[in-house]
Amino acid sequence: MLNTVLSILMLAAIALALGAAWIWRRPGMRRQAALMLVLAAVALVNVAIWTVPDGEGRSPAEQLSDAR
């Protein structure tokens, strides 16, 4: 289940970045585009937190699946 959520989050971050690039060209929409880029960055950081391994080589996602 967590893998599905992380995959959807990655797709959402990509869609937000592409949408921000498209909106950036419109006059008066730069603030919304910047906020979309910030949201995409937050989503990517969340995915990184769950998937990047720690010093022992285990990611939080692996630890969660092992606990079951």
PDB file of N, CA and C in Angstrom:
ATOM      1  N   MET A   1       0.817  -1.191   0.000  1.00  0.00           N
ATOM      2  CA  MET A   1       0.000   0.000   0.000  1.00  0.00           C
ATOM      3  C   MET A   1       0.866   1.262   0.000  1.00  0.00           C
ATOM      4  N   LEU A   2       1.942   1.241   0.793  1.00  0.00           N
ATOM      5  CA  LEU A   2       2.820   2.408   0.853  1.00  0.00           C
ATOM      6  C   LEU A   2       3.494   2.658  -0.494  1.00  0.00           C
ATOM      7  N   ASN A   3       3.844   1.588  -1.202  1.00  0.00           N
ATOM      8  CA  ASN A   3       4.460   1.759  -2.519  1.00  0.00           C
ATOM      9  C   ASN A   3       3.514   2.468  -3.479  1.00  0.00           C
ATOM     10  N   THR A   4       2.228   2.153  -3.397  1.00  0.00           N
ATOM     11  CA  THR A   4       1.240   2.813  -4.246  1.00  0.00           C
ATOM     12  C   THR A   4       1.138   4.294  -3.908  1.00  0.00           C
ATOM     13  N   VAL A   5       1.106   4.603  -2.636  1.00  0.00           N
ATOM     14  CA  VAL A   5       1.010   6.001  -2.199  1.00  0.00           C
ATOM     15  C   VAL A   5       2.237   6.790  -2.643  1.00  0.00           C
ATOM     16  N   LEU A   6       3.424   6.206  -2.479  1.00  0.00           N
ATOM     17  CA  LEU A   6       4.646   6.896  -2.892  1.00  0.00           C
ATOM     18  C   LEU A   6       4.691   7.086  -4.408  1.00  0.00           C
ATOM     19  N   SER A   7       4.192   6.112  -5.160  1.00  0.00           N
ATOM     20  CA  SER A   7       4.154   6.241  -6.619  1.00  0.00           C
ATOM     21  C   SER A   7       3.208   7.357  -7.044  1.00  0.00           C
ATOM     22  N   ILE A   8       2.043   7.414  -6.422  1.00  0.00           N
ATOM     23  CA  ILE A   8       1.085   8.478  -6.736  1.00  0.00           C
ATOM     24  C   ILE A   8       1.654   9.838  -6.347  1.00  0.00           C
ATOM     25  N   LEU A   9       2.357   9.894  -5.232  1.00  0.00           N
ATOM     26  CA  LEU A   9       2.978  11.148  -4.801  1.00  0.00           C
ATOM     27  C   LEU A   9       4.039  11.611  -5.795  1.00  0.00           C
ATOM     28  N   MET A  10       4.818  10.683  -6.330  1.00  0.00           N
ATOM     29  CA  MET A  10       5.818  11.036  -7.351  1.00  0.00           C
ATOM     30  C   MET A  10       5.139  11.557  -8.619  1.00  0.00           C
ATOM     31  N   LEU A  11       4.082  10.872  -9.057  1.00  0.00           N
ATOM     32  CA  LEU A  11       3.356  11.334 -10.245  1.00  0.00           C
ATOM     33  C   LEU A  11       2.746  12.717 -10.016  1.00  0.00           C
ATOM     34  N   ALA A  12       2.237  12.954  -8.817  1.00  0.00           N
ATOM     35  CA  ALA A  12       1.676  14.269  -8.499  1.00  0.00           C
ATOM     36  C   ALA A  12       2.754  15.346  -8.509  1.00  0.00           C
ATOM     37  N   ALA A  13       3.938  15.030  -7.998  1.00  0.00           N
ATOM     38  CA  ALA A  13       5.033  16.006  -7.997  1.00  0.00           C
ATOM     39  C   ALA A  13       5.460  16.341  -9.422  1.00  0.00           C
ATOM     40  N   ILE A  14       5.522  15.335 -10.277  1.00  0.00           N
ATOM     41  CA  ILE A  14       5.878  15.580 -11.682  1.00  0.00           C
ATOM     42  C   ILE A  14       4.809  16.431 -12.352  1.00  0.00           C
ATOM     43  N   ALA A  15       3.543  16.101 -12.108  1.00  0.00           N
ATOM     44  CA  ALA A  15       2.448  16.877 -12.699  1.00  0.00           C
ATOM     45  C   ALA A  15       2.458  18.318 -12.192  1.00  0.00           C
ATOM     46  N   LEU A  16       2.745  18.511 -10.917  1.00  0.00           N
ATOM     47  CA  LEU A  16       2.822  19.869 -10.373  1.00  0.00           C
ATOM     48  C   LEU A  16       3.958  20.661 -11.009  1.00  0.00           C
ATOM     49  N   ALA A  17       5.105  20.029 -11.187  1.00  0.00           N
ATOM     50  CA  ALA A  17       6.242  20.733 -11.795  1.00  0.00           C
ATOM     51  C   ALA A  17       5.948  21.089 -13.248  1.00  0.00           C
ATOM     52  N   LEU A  18       5.364  20.163 -13.984  1.00  0.00           N
ATOM     53  CA  LEU A  18       5.021  20.455 -15.384  1.00  0.00           C
ATOM     54  C   LEU A  18       3.940  21.529 -15.474  1.00  0.00           C
ATOM     55  N   GLY A  19       2.949  21.450 -14.600  1.00  0.00           N
ATOM     56  CA  GLY A  19       1.904  22.473 -14.578  1.00  0.00           C
ATOM     57  C   GLY A  19       2.447  23.840 -14.203  1.00  0.00           C
ATOM     58  N   ALA A  20       3.385  23.870 -13.279  1.00  0.00           N
ATOM     59  CA  ALA A  20       3.994  25.147 -12.888  1.00  0.00           C
ATOM     60  C   ALA A  20       4.785  25.744 -14.041  1.00  0.00           C
ATOM     61  N   ALA A  21       5.490  24.896 -14.787  1.00  0.00           N
ATOM     62  CA  ALA A  21       6.239  25.397 -15.945  1.00  0.00           C
ATOM     63  C   ALA A  21       5.291  25.960 -16.996  1.00  0.00           C
ATOM     64  N   TRP A  22       4.147  25.320 -17.154  1.00  0.00           N
ATOM     65  CA  TRP A  22       3.177  25.781 -18.143  1.00  0.00           C
ATOM     66  C   TRP A  22       2.510  27.084 -17.684  1.00  0.00           C
ATOM     67  N   ILE A  23       2.171  27.176 -16.408  1.00  0.00           N
ATOM     68  CA  ILE A  23       1.503  28.372 -15.879  1.00  0.00           C
ATOM     69  C   ILE A  23       2.467  29.555 -15.777  1.00  0.00           C
ATOM     70  N   TRP A  24       3.755  29.286 -15.604  1.00  0.00           N
ATOM     71  CA  TRP A  24       4.748  30.351 -15.419  1.00  0.00           C
ATOM     72  C   TRP A  24       4.715  31.346 -16.573  1.00  0.00           C
ATOM     73  N   ARG A  25       4.371  30.886 -17.756  1.00  0.00           N
ATOM     74  CA  ARG A  25       4.369  31.761 -18.944  1.00  0.00           C
ATOM     75  C   ARG A  25       3.204  32.735 -18.964  1.00  0.00           C
ATOM     76  N   ARG A  26       2.166  32.446 -18.214  1.00  0.00           N
ATOM     77  CA  ARG A  26       1.003  33.329 -18.209  1.00  0.00           C
ATOM     78  C   ARG A  26       1.272  34.549 -17.327  1.00  0.00           C
ATOM     79  N   PRO A  27       0.877  35.717 -17.777  1.00  0.00           N
ATOM     80  CA  PRO A  27       1.074  36.904 -16.932  1.00  0.00           C
ATOM     81  C   PRO A  27       0.135  36.867 -15.722  1.00  0.00           C
ATOM     82  N   GLY A  28       0.673  37.233 -14.584  1.00  0.00           N
ATOM     83  CA  GLY A  28      -0.126  37.282 -13.370  1.00  0.00           C
ATOM     84  C   GLY A  28      -0.291  35.957 -12.653  1.00  0.00           C
ATOM     85  N   MET A  29       0.325  34.899 -13.149  1.00  0.00           N
ATOM     86  CA  MET A  29       0.166  33.572 -12.547  1.00  0.00           C
ATOM     87  C   MET A  29       1.474  33.055 -11.950  1.00  0.00           C
ATOM     88  N   ARG A  30       2.454  33.910 -11.797  1.00  0.00           N
ATOM     89  CA  ARG A  30       3.768  33.462 -11.316  1.00  0.00           C
ATOM     90  C   ARG A  30       3.727  33.019  -9.853  1.00  0.00           C
ATOM     91  N   ARG A  31       2.918  33.666  -9.052  1.00  0.00           N
ATOM     92  CA  ARG A  31       2.839  33.264  -7.644  1.00  0.00           C
ATOM     93  C   ARG A  31       2.276  31.844  -7.519  1.00  0.00           C
ATOM     94  N   GLN A  32       1.226  31.537  -8.282  1.00  0.00           N
ATOM     95  CA  GLN A  32       0.657  30.196  -8.246  1.00  0.00           C
ATOM     96  C   GLN A  32       1.653  29.163  -8.751  1.00  0.00           C
ATOM     97  N   ALA A  33       2.409  29.528  -9.787  1.00  0.00           N
ATOM     98  CA  ALA A  33       3.418  28.611 -10.319  1.00  0.00           C
ATOM     99  C   ALA A  33       4.513  28.357  -9.290  1.00  0.00           C
ATOM    100  N   ALA A  34       4.929  29.395  -8.594  1.00  0.00           N
ATOM    101  CA  ALA A  34       5.956  29.227  -7.561  1.00  0.00           C
ATOM    102  C   ALA A  34       5.444  28.356  -6.419  1.00  0.00           C
ATOM    103  N   LEU A  35       4.193  28.543  -6.031  1.00  0.00           N
ATOM    104  CA  LEU A  35       3.618  27.711  -4.976  1.00  0.00           C
ATOM    105  C   LEU A  35       3.498  26.255  -5.420  1.00  0.00           C
ATOM    106  N   MET A  36       3.190  26.044  -6.685  1.00  0.00           N
ATOM    107  CA  MET A  36       3.134  24.673  -7.204  1.00  0.00           C
ATOM    108  C   MET A  36       4.515  24.024  -7.169  1.00  0.00           C
ATOM    109  N   LEU A  37       5.549  24.791  -7.470  1.00  0.00           N
ATOM    110  CA  LEU A  37       6.911  24.255  -7.396  1.00  0.00           C
ATOM    111  C   LEU A  37       7.311  23.941  -5.959  1.00  0.00           C
ATOM    112  N   VAL A  38       6.900  24.786  -5.026  1.00  0.00           N
ATOM    113  CA  VAL A  38       7.185  24.518  -3.612  1.00  0.00           C
ATOM    114  C   VAL A  38       6.475  23.240  -3.173  1.00  0.00           C
ATOM    115  N   LEU A  39       5.233  23.069  -3.574  1.00  0.00           N
ATOM    116  CA  LEU A  39       4.490  21.865  -3.214  1.00  0.00           C
ATOM    117  C   LEU A  39       5.118  20.620  -3.832  1.00  0.00           C
ATOM    118  N   ALA A  40       5.588  20.729  -5.073  1.00  0.00           N
ATOM    119  CA  ALA A  40       6.271  19.597  -5.711  1.00  0.00           C
ATOM    120  C   ALA A  40       7.547  19.254  -4.955  1.00  0.00           C
ATOM    121  N   ALA A  41       8.276  20.268  -4.509  1.00  0.00           N
ATOM    122  CA  ALA A  41       9.503  20.016  -3.746  1.00  0.00           C
ATOM    123  C   ALA A  41       9.196  19.348  -2.410  1.00  0.00           C
ATOM    124  N   VAL A  42       8.134  19.769  -1.748  1.00  0.00           N
ATOM    125  CA  VAL A  42       7.741  19.146  -0.481  1.00  0.00           C
ATOM    126  C   VAL A  42       7.371  17.684  -0.704  1.00  0.00           C
ATOM    127  N   ALA A  43       6.658  17.404  -1.781  1.00  0.00           N
ATOM    128  CA  ALA A  43       6.290  16.021  -2.088  1.00  0.00           C
ATOM    129  C   ALA A  43       7.525  15.171  -2.349  1.00  0.00           C
ATOM    130  N   LEU A  44       8.482  15.710  -3.085  1.00  0.00           N
ATOM    131  CA  LEU A  44       9.707  14.958  -3.367  1.00  0.00           C
ATOM    132  C   LEU A  44      10.525  14.714  -2.099  1.00  0.00           C
ATOM    133  N   VAL A  45      10.562  15.687  -1.207  1.00  0.00           N
ATOM    134  CA  VAL A  45      11.276  15.495   0.058  1.00  0.00           C
ATOM    135  C   VAL A  45      10.591  14.413   0.894  1.00  0.00           C
ATOM    136  N   ASN A  46       9.265  14.392   0.890  1.00  0.00           N
ATOM    137  CA  ASN A  46       8.552  13.345   1.621  1.00  0.00           C
ATOM    138  C   ASN A  46       8.856  11.961   1.063  1.00  0.00           C
ATOM    139  N   VAL A  47       8.903  11.834  -0.252  1.00  0.00           N
ATOM    140  CA  VAL A  47       9.252  10.548  -0.857  1.00  0.00           C
ATOM    141  C   VAL A  47      10.680  10.169  -0.478  1.00  0.00           C
ATOM    142  N   ALA A  48      11.578  11.141  -0.491  1.00  0.00           N
ATOM    143  CA  ALA A  48      12.973  10.857  -0.131  1.00  0.00           C
ATOM    144  C   ALA A  48      13.087  10.411   1.325  1.00  0.00           C
ATOM    145  N   ILE A  49      12.328  11.025   2.206  1.00  0.00           N
ATOM    146  CA  ILE A  49      12.367  10.634   3.616  1.00  0.00           C
ATOM    147  C   ILE A  49      11.964   9.176   3.781  1.00  0.00           C
ATOM    148  N   TRP A  50      10.963   8.747   3.019  1.00  0.00           N
ATOM    149  CA  TRP A  50      10.482   7.378   3.161  1.00  0.00           C
ATOM    150  C   TRP A  50      11.339   6.353   2.440  1.00  0.00           C
ATOM    151  N   THR A  51      12.117   6.766   1.448  1.00  0.00           N
ATOM    152  CA  THR A  51      12.817   5.770   0.634  1.00  0.00           C
ATOM    153  C   THR A  51      14.328   5.760   0.789  1.00  0.00           C
ATOM    154  N   VAL A  52      14.938   6.850   1.220  1.00  0.00           N
ATOM    155  CA  VAL A  52      16.397   6.892   1.344  1.00  0.00           C
ATOM    156  C   VAL A  52      16.802   6.107   2.589  1.00  0.00           C
ATOM    157  N   PRO A  53      17.751   5.197   2.455  1.00  0.00           N
ATOM    158  CA  PRO A  53      18.150   4.390   3.613  1.00  0.00           C
ATOM    159  C   PRO A  53      18.937   5.199   4.645  1.00  0.00           C
ATOM    160  N   ASP A  54      18.890   4.714   5.873  1.00  0.00           N
ATOM    161  CA  ASP A  54      19.635   5.359   6.955  1.00  0.00           C
ATOM    162  C   ASP A  54      21.043   4.782   7.031  1.00  0.00           C
ATOM    163  N   GLY A  55      21.729   5.016   8.121  1.00  0.00           N
ATOM    164  CA  GLY A  55      23.102   4.549   8.279  1.00  0.00           C
ATOM    165  C   GLY A  55      23.234   3.036   8.275  1.00  0.00           C
ATOM    166  N   GLU A  56      22.176   2.347   8.665  1.00  0.00           N
ATOM    167  CA  GLU A  56      22.191   0.884   8.680  1.00  0.00           C
ATOM    168  C   GLU A  56      21.756   0.282   7.356  1.00  0.00           C
ATOM    169  N   GLY A  57      21.382   1.112   6.406  1.00  0.00           N
ATOM    170  CA  GLY A  57      20.983   0.629   5.087  1.00  0.00           C
ATOM    171  C   GLY A  57      19.519   0.253   4.964  1.00  0.00           C
ATOM    172  N   ARG A  58      18.700   0.690   5.901  1.00  0.00           N
ATOM    173  CA  ARG A  58      17.274   0.373   5.856  1.00  0.00           C
ATOM    174  C   ARG A  58      16.464   1.655   5.762  1.00  0.00           C
ATOM    175  N   SER A  59      15.487   1.657   4.880  1.00  0.00           N
ATOM    176  CA  SER A  59      14.622   2.823   4.744  1.00  0.00           C
ATOM    177  C   SER A  59      13.422   2.676   5.679  1.00  0.00           C
ATOM    178  N   PRO A  60      12.764   3.779   6.023  1.00  0.00           N
ATOM    179  CA  PRO A  60      11.567   3.683   6.862  1.00  0.00           C
ATOM    180  C   PRO A  60      10.470   2.831   6.221  1.00  0.00           C
ATOM    181  N   ALA A  61      10.373   2.851   4.899  1.00  0.00           N
ATOM    182  CA  ALA A  61       9.374   2.029   4.226  1.00  0.00           C
ATOM    183  C   ALA A  61       9.666   0.546   4.445  1.00  0.00           C
ATOM    184  N   GLU A  62      10.932   0.155   4.397  1.00  0.00           N
ATOM    185  CA  GLU A  62      11.295  -1.240   4.656  1.00  0.00           C
ATOM    186  C   GLU A  62      11.011  -1.612   6.102  1.00  0.00           C
ATOM    187  N   GLN A  63      11.308  -0.716   7.017  1.00  0.00           N
ATOM    188  CA  GLN A  63      11.072  -0.997   8.430  1.00  0.00           C
ATOM    189  C   GLN A  63       9.589  -1.161   8.707  1.00  0.00           C
ATOM    190  N   LEU A  64       8.761  -0.387   8.011  1.00  0.00           N
ATOM    191  CA  LEU A  64       7.319  -0.495   8.190  1.00  0.00           C
ATOM    192  C   LEU A  64       6.809  -1.829   7.670  1.00  0.00           C
ATOM    193  N   SER A  65       7.300  -2.257   6.515  1.00  0.00           N
ATOM    194  CA  SER A  65       6.842  -3.529   5.957  1.00  0.00           C
ATOM    195  C   SER A  65       7.365  -4.713   6.764  1.00  0.00           C
ATOM    196  N   ASP A  66       8.540  -4.589   7.376  1.00  0.00           N
ATOM    197  CA  ASP A  66       9.084  -5.668   8.204  1.00  0.00           C
ATOM    198  C   ASP A  66       8.341  -5.799   9.530  1.00  0.00           C
ATOM    199  N   ALA A  67       7.743  -4.725   9.994  1.00  0.00           N
ATOM    200  CA  ALA A  67       7.044  -4.744  11.275  1.00  0.00           C
ATOM    201  C   ALA A  67       5.737  -5.521  11.196  1.00  0.00           C
ATOM    202  N   ARG A  68       5.240  -5.743  10.012  1.00  0.00           N
ATOM    203  CA  ARG A  68       3.967  -6.459   9.861  1.00  0.00           C
ATOM    204  C   ARG A  68       4.141  -7.898  10.007  1.00  0.00           C
TER     205      ARG A  68
END
